[in-house]
Amino acid sequence: MNTEQLIADAMALPLSERVSLAQALWESIDAGVPEANERAAVTEAVRRDKELSSRDVAGRTHEEVMQAARRALECD
């Protein structure tokens, strides 16, 4: 099964099952991040939140972020 088919199958699930799937996937990603990087990641997230809140930088839409991620991973 390829990723596109897997996504299509997942999107066909009822909302509660999609939420459970998303949580399980996120937890598997989070588990792969070394704890030493966690503090730096939180610090960076707080810094970026302050930038966005102050409007010093422009944010991107979810779709823009996903397109950039697909390009970076060569999924497009």
N, C-alpha and C. Protein backbone atom coordinates (compact mmCIF):
# COMPACT_ATOMS: atom_id res chain seq x y z
N MET A 1 0.85 -1.17 0.00
CA MET A 1 0.00 0.00 0.00
C MET A 1 0.90 1.24 0.00
N ASN A 2 0.60 2.20 -0.88
CA ASN A 2 1.40 3.41 -0.91
C ASN A 2 0.82 4.46 0.03
N THR A 3 1.56 5.52 0.24
CA THR A 3 1.15 6.56 1.18
C THR A 3 -0.16 7.21 0.78
N GLU A 4 -0.33 7.48 -0.50
CA GLU A 4 -1.57 8.12 -0.96
C GLU A 4 -2.79 7.25 -0.62
N GLN A 5 -2.68 5.94 -0.83
CA GLN A 5 -3.79 5.05 -0.52
C GLN A 5 -4.03 4.98 0.98
N LEU A 6 -2.94 4.97 1.74
CA LEU A 6 -3.06 4.95 3.19
C LEU A 6 -3.78 6.21 3.69
N ILE A 7 -3.41 7.36 3.14
CA ILE A 7 -4.07 8.61 3.51
C ILE A 7 -5.54 8.57 3.13
N ALA A 8 -5.85 8.11 1.94
CA ALA A 8 -7.24 8.02 1.50
C ALA A 8 -8.04 7.12 2.43
N ASP A 9 -7.47 5.99 2.79
CA ASP A 9 -8.16 5.07 3.71
C ASP A 9 -8.36 5.72 5.08
N ALA A 10 -7.33 6.41 5.56
CA ALA A 10 -7.44 7.07 6.87
C ALA A 10 -8.49 8.17 6.84
N MET A 11 -8.57 8.92 5.75
CA MET A 11 -9.54 10.00 5.65
C MET A 11 -10.97 9.48 5.59
N ALA A 12 -11.14 8.23 5.21
CA ALA A 12 -12.47 7.62 5.14
C ALA A 12 -12.96 7.16 6.52
N LEU A 13 -12.07 7.15 7.50
CA LEU A 13 -12.46 6.73 8.85
C LEU A 13 -13.37 7.76 9.49
N PRO A 14 -14.19 7.33 10.44
CA PRO A 14 -14.98 8.29 11.21
C PRO A 14 -14.05 9.23 11.97
N LEU A 15 -14.54 10.41 12.31
CA LEU A 15 -13.73 11.44 12.96
C LEU A 15 -13.01 10.93 14.20
N SER A 16 -13.71 10.22 15.06
CA SER A 16 -13.09 9.76 16.30
C SER A 16 -11.91 8.82 16.03
N GLU A 17 -12.03 8.00 15.00
CA GLU A 17 -10.93 7.09 14.65
C GLU A 17 -9.78 7.84 14.01
N ARG A 18 -10.09 8.89 13.22
CA ARG A 18 -9.02 9.71 12.64
C ARG A 18 -8.25 10.42 13.74
N VAL A 19 -8.97 10.91 14.76
CA VAL A 19 -8.31 11.58 15.89
C VAL A 19 -7.40 10.59 16.61
N SER A 20 -7.89 9.40 16.86
CA SER A 20 -7.07 8.38 17.53
C SER A 20 -5.83 8.04 16.71
N LEU A 21 -6.02 7.92 15.41
CA LEU A 21 -4.89 7.63 14.51
C LEU A 21 -3.88 8.76 14.54
N ALA A 22 -4.36 10.00 14.44
CA ALA A 22 -3.46 11.16 14.46
C ALA A 22 -2.68 11.21 15.76
N GLN A 23 -3.35 10.95 16.88
CA GLN A 23 -2.66 10.95 18.18
C GLN A 23 -1.59 9.87 18.23
N ALA A 24 -1.91 8.69 17.74
CA ALA A 24 -0.94 7.59 17.76
C ALA A 24 0.26 7.91 16.88
N LEU A 25 0.00 8.49 15.71
CA LEU A 25 1.10 8.86 14.82
C LEU A 25 1.97 9.94 15.46
N TRP A 26 1.32 10.96 16.05
CA TRP A 26 2.07 12.04 16.67
C TRP A 26 2.93 11.51 17.83
N GLU A 27 2.36 10.63 18.63
CA GLU A 27 3.11 10.06 19.74
C GLU A 27 4.31 9.25 19.25
N SER A 28 4.16 8.59 18.12
CA SER A 28 5.29 7.82 17.58
C SER A 28 6.39 8.75 17.09
N ILE A 29 6.01 9.90 16.56
CA ILE A 29 7.00 10.88 16.13
C ILE A 29 7.67 11.50 17.35
N ASP A 30 6.85 11.89 18.32
CA ASP A 30 7.36 12.51 19.53
C ASP A 30 8.32 11.57 20.26
N ALA A 31 8.02 10.29 20.24
CA ALA A 31 8.87 9.31 20.93
C ALA A 31 10.25 9.21 20.28
N GLY A 32 10.34 9.57 19.00
CA GLY A 32 11.61 9.49 18.29
C GLY A 32 12.51 10.70 18.48
N VAL A 33 12.01 11.74 19.16
CA VAL A 33 12.79 12.95 19.38
C VAL A 33 13.57 12.80 20.68
N PRO A 34 14.89 12.92 20.59
CA PRO A 34 15.68 12.79 21.82
C PRO A 34 15.30 13.87 22.83
N GLU A 35 15.26 13.51 24.11
CA GLU A 35 14.87 14.45 25.17
C GLU A 35 15.81 15.64 25.26
N ALA A 36 17.06 15.47 24.90
CA ALA A 36 18.01 16.58 24.97
C ALA A 36 17.58 17.72 24.05
N ASN A 37 16.90 17.38 22.97
CA ASN A 37 16.45 18.41 22.04
C ASN A 37 15.12 19.02 22.45
N GLU A 38 14.45 18.41 23.40
CA GLU A 38 13.11 18.87 23.78
C GLU A 38 13.13 20.28 24.34
N ARG A 39 14.05 20.59 25.21
CA ARG A 39 14.11 21.92 25.81
C ARG A 39 14.42 22.96 24.73
N ALA A 40 15.34 22.66 23.83
CA ALA A 40 15.66 23.59 22.75
C ALA A 40 14.46 23.78 21.83
N ALA A 41 13.71 22.72 21.58
CA ALA A 41 12.54 22.81 20.72
C ALA A 41 11.46 23.68 21.35
N VAL A 42 11.26 23.53 22.66
CA VAL A 42 10.27 24.34 23.36
C VAL A 42 10.70 25.81 23.36
N THR A 43 11.96 26.06 23.61
CA THR A 43 12.49 27.43 23.59
C THR A 43 12.28 28.06 22.22
N GLU A 44 12.56 27.30 21.18
CA GLU A 44 12.37 27.80 19.81
C GLU A 44 10.91 28.05 19.51
N ALA A 45 10.04 27.16 19.96
CA ALA A 45 8.60 27.33 19.73
C ALA A 45 8.09 28.60 20.42
N VAL A 46 8.54 28.84 21.62
CA VAL A 46 8.13 30.04 22.36
C VAL A 46 8.63 31.29 21.63
N ARG A 47 9.86 31.26 21.17
CA ARG A 47 10.42 32.40 20.42
C ARG A 47 9.61 32.68 19.17
N ARG A 48 9.29 31.64 18.42
CA ARG A 48 8.51 31.81 17.19
C ARG A 48 7.10 32.30 17.48
N ASP A 49 6.50 31.80 18.56
CA ASP A 49 5.16 32.26 18.94
C ASP A 49 5.18 33.76 19.23
N LYS A 50 6.21 34.22 19.94
CA LYS A 50 6.32 35.65 20.24
C LYS A 50 6.46 36.46 18.95
N GLU A 51 7.25 35.95 18.00
CA GLU A 51 7.40 36.65 16.71
C GLU A 51 6.07 36.77 15.99
N LEU A 52 5.35 35.66 15.94
CA LEU A 52 4.05 35.67 15.25
C LEU A 52 3.05 36.57 15.97
N SER A 53 3.05 36.51 17.28
CA SER A 53 2.11 37.32 18.06
C SER A 53 2.38 38.81 17.91
N SER A 54 3.65 39.17 17.77
CA SER A 54 4.02 40.58 17.62
C SER A 54 3.84 41.05 16.18
N ARG A 55 3.56 40.12 15.29
CA ARG A 55 3.39 40.40 13.86
C ARG A 55 4.68 40.89 13.20
N ASP A 56 5.83 40.59 13.83
CA ASP A 56 7.11 40.93 13.22
C ASP A 56 7.40 40.04 12.01
N VAL A 57 6.79 38.89 11.99
CA VAL A 57 6.94 37.97 10.86
C VAL A 57 5.54 37.51 10.43
N ALA A 58 5.44 37.11 9.18
CA ALA A 58 4.16 36.62 8.66
C ALA A 58 4.15 35.09 8.78
N GLY A 59 3.03 34.58 9.19
CA GLY A 59 2.87 33.13 9.28
C GLY A 59 2.51 32.54 7.92
N ARG A 60 2.45 31.23 7.87
CA ARG A 60 2.04 30.53 6.66
C ARG A 60 0.80 29.71 6.96
N THR A 61 0.02 29.47 5.93
CA THR A 61 -1.16 28.64 6.11
C THR A 61 -0.74 27.18 6.27
N HIS A 62 -1.66 26.38 6.78
CA HIS A 62 -1.40 24.94 6.91
C HIS A 62 -1.01 24.35 5.57
N GLU A 63 -1.73 24.72 4.52
CA GLU A 63 -1.45 24.18 3.19
C GLU A 63 -0.05 24.57 2.72
N GLU A 64 0.37 25.81 2.98
CA GLU A 64 1.72 26.24 2.59
C GLU A 64 2.78 25.43 3.32
N VAL A 65 2.55 25.19 4.60
CA VAL A 65 3.50 24.40 5.38
C VAL A 65 3.57 22.97 4.86
N MET A 66 2.40 22.38 4.59
CA MET A 66 2.37 21.00 4.10
C MET A 66 3.03 20.88 2.73
N GLN A 67 2.82 21.84 1.85
CA GLN A 67 3.46 21.81 0.53
C GLN A 67 4.98 21.89 0.68
N ALA A 68 5.44 22.77 1.57
CA ALA A 68 6.90 22.89 1.80
C ALA A 68 7.45 21.59 2.37
N ALA A 69 6.71 20.96 3.28
CA ALA A 69 7.17 19.70 3.86
C ALA A 69 7.25 18.61 2.80
N ARG A 70 6.23 18.55 1.94
CA ARG A 70 6.24 17.53 0.87
C ARG A 70 7.41 17.75 -0.07
N ARG A 71 7.66 19.02 -0.42
CA ARG A 71 8.82 19.32 -1.29
C ARG A 71 10.12 18.90 -0.62
N ALA A 72 10.25 19.22 0.68
CA ALA A 72 11.46 18.89 1.41
C ALA A 72 11.68 17.38 1.48
N LEU A 73 10.59 16.64 1.58
CA LEU A 73 10.68 15.18 1.65
C LEU A 73 10.58 14.52 0.28
N GLU A 74 10.50 15.37 -0.74
CA GLU A 74 10.38 14.91 -2.12
C GLU A 74 9.17 14.01 -2.33
N CYS A 75 8.04 14.40 -1.70
CA CYS A 75 6.79 13.66 -1.85
C CYS A 75 5.90 14.27 -2.90
N ASP A 76 6.26 15.44 -3.41
CA ASP A 76 5.43 16.14 -4.39
C ASP A 76 5.77 15.71 -5.79
